[in-house]
Amino acid sequence: EKMKVAAQKEDFDIISVIPAPLLTAIDRFLKAGLAITTLLFIAAGGAITAEAWSKASKSPLPGDIDQFIVNIVEPNFTPCLLVLLGFSVSLGIFAALQLGSSGSQYRED
């Protein structure tokens, strides 16, 4: 019923038809995803830097660590950045939708 009324209006507001607990869950998911991928991206950058420094200084890292960085971290560095960008853009769009919602705009009657 609520969606039918909202759909008949010219300015359909998707935020007004989504339940508040779901909005909170979406917000928390996007923020947690952004935080986790940011930390992983920074850690991966540090690991790649350490591996590059070990090659340049000719002081090798332990074999298991070097293999982990070369085989796991380096190939997943760019995809991690894309996931980070996806979370960032999604959170920005979500926040813009919330701010553009009729429920968040101040009006004097």
Protein backbone atom coordinates (compact mmCIF):
# COMPACT_ATOMS: atom_id res chain seq x y z
CA GLU A 1 0.00 0.00 0.00
CA LYS A 2 2.74 2.40 0.99
CA MET A 3 4.71 1.56 -2.17
CA LYS A 4 1.67 2.11 -4.41
CA VAL A 5 1.13 5.56 -2.95
CA ALA A 6 4.83 6.39 -3.24
CA ALA A 7 4.98 5.09 -6.82
CA GLN A 8 2.07 7.32 -7.82
CA LYS A 9 3.93 10.41 -6.66
CA GLU A 10 6.19 12.16 -9.15
CA ASP A 11 9.19 12.19 -6.81
CA PHE A 12 9.48 8.57 -5.67
CA ASP A 13 11.60 8.34 -2.52
CA ILE A 14 13.10 4.86 -2.13
CA ILE A 15 14.45 5.67 1.34
CA SER A 16 10.94 6.31 2.70
CA VAL A 17 9.74 2.78 1.80
CA ILE A 18 12.75 0.90 3.22
CA PRO A 19 12.29 -0.04 6.89
CA ALA A 20 14.58 1.79 9.34
CA PRO A 21 16.29 -1.40 10.63
CA LEU A 22 17.18 -2.35 7.05
CA LEU A 23 18.60 1.14 6.41
CA THR A 24 20.74 0.77 9.53
CA ALA A 25 21.92 -2.69 8.42
CA ILE A 26 22.84 -1.42 4.94
CA ASP A 27 24.71 1.53 6.46
CA ARG A 28 26.65 -0.69 8.87
CA PHE A 29 27.47 -3.22 6.14
CA LEU A 30 28.84 -0.54 3.81
CA LYS A 31 30.86 1.15 6.56
CA ALA A 32 32.28 -2.15 7.84
CA GLY A 33 33.13 -3.26 4.30
CA LEU A 34 34.84 0.04 3.62
CA ALA A 35 36.84 -0.16 6.87
CA ILE A 36 37.91 -3.77 6.32
CA THR A 37 38.92 -3.30 2.68
CA THR A 38 40.81 -0.10 3.56
CA LEU A 39 42.80 -1.93 6.24
CA LEU A 40 43.46 -4.88 3.91
CA PHE A 41 44.57 -2.54 1.12
CA ILE A 42 46.98 -0.68 3.42
CA ALA A 43 48.35 -3.97 4.81
CA ALA A 44 48.80 -5.33 1.28
CA GLY A 45 50.64 -2.17 0.28
CA GLY A 46 52.92 -2.54 3.29
CA ALA A 47 53.60 -6.19 2.44
CA ILE A 48 54.40 -5.36 -1.18
CA THR A 49 56.69 -2.56 -0.01
CA ALA A 50 58.49 -4.95 2.37
CA GLU A 51 58.94 -7.50 -0.41
CA ALA A 52 60.28 -4.85 -2.79
CA TRP A 53 62.65 -3.54 -0.10
CA SER A 54 63.94 -7.07 0.54
CA LYS A 55 64.72 -7.49 -3.17
CA ALA A 56 66.36 -4.06 -3.45
CA SER A 57 68.45 -4.45 -0.30
CA LYS A 58 69.34 -8.07 -1.06
CA SER A 59 68.18 -9.18 2.40
CA PRO A 60 65.58 -11.82 1.58
CA LEU A 61 62.41 -12.38 3.53
CA PRO A 62 61.69 -15.87 4.88
CA GLY A 63 60.58 -18.10 2.00
CA ASP A 64 57.00 -18.65 3.18
CA ILE A 65 56.37 -14.93 3.68
CA ASP A 66 57.91 -14.05 0.31
CA GLN A 67 55.83 -16.71 -1.47
CA PHE A 68 52.66 -15.53 0.28
CA ILE A 69 53.26 -11.94 -0.82
CA VAL A 70 54.16 -12.90 -4.40
CA ASN A 71 51.44 -15.53 -4.90
CA ILE A 72 48.55 -14.17 -2.83
CA VAL A 73 48.96 -10.49 -1.96
CA GLU A 74 50.30 -9.06 -5.22
CA PRO A 75 47.73 -10.68 -7.58
CA ASN A 76 44.87 -9.55 -5.31
CA PHE A 77 46.09 -5.99 -4.77
CA THR A 78 44.19 -4.39 -7.67
CA PRO A 79 40.98 -6.39 -7.10
CA CYS A 80 41.11 -5.28 -3.46
CA LEU A 81 41.31 -1.68 -4.64
CA LEU A 82 38.28 -2.23 -6.88
CA VAL A 83 36.30 -3.69 -3.97
CA LEU A 84 37.38 -0.73 -1.82
CA LEU A 85 36.24 1.66 -4.54
CA GLY A 86 32.94 -0.22 -4.83
CA PHE A 87 32.24 0.10 -1.11
CA SER A 88 33.23 3.78 -1.16
CA VAL A 89 31.02 4.64 -4.12
CA SER A 90 28.11 2.59 -2.74
CA LEU A 91 28.34 4.32 0.62
CA GLY A 92 28.45 7.71 -1.10
CA ILE A 93 25.38 6.93 -3.20
CA PHE A 94 23.56 5.56 -0.16
CA ALA A 95 24.36 8.69 1.87
CA ALA A 96 23.28 10.94 -1.01
CA LEU A 97 19.96 9.07 -1.25
CA GLN A 98 19.44 9.49 2.48
CA LEU A 99 20.25 13.20 2.38
CA GLY A 100 18.01 13.72 -0.64
CA SER A 101 15.13 11.92 1.05
CA SER A 102 12.09 13.97 1.96
CA GLY A 103 12.36 12.72 5.55
CA SER A 104 15.77 14.32 6.00
CA GLN A 105 14.87 17.76 4.63
CA TYR A 106 13.95 20.56 6.98
CA ARG A 107 10.65 22.30 6.31
CA GLU A 108 8.75 24.97 8.18
CA ASP A 109 5.02 24.55 7.87
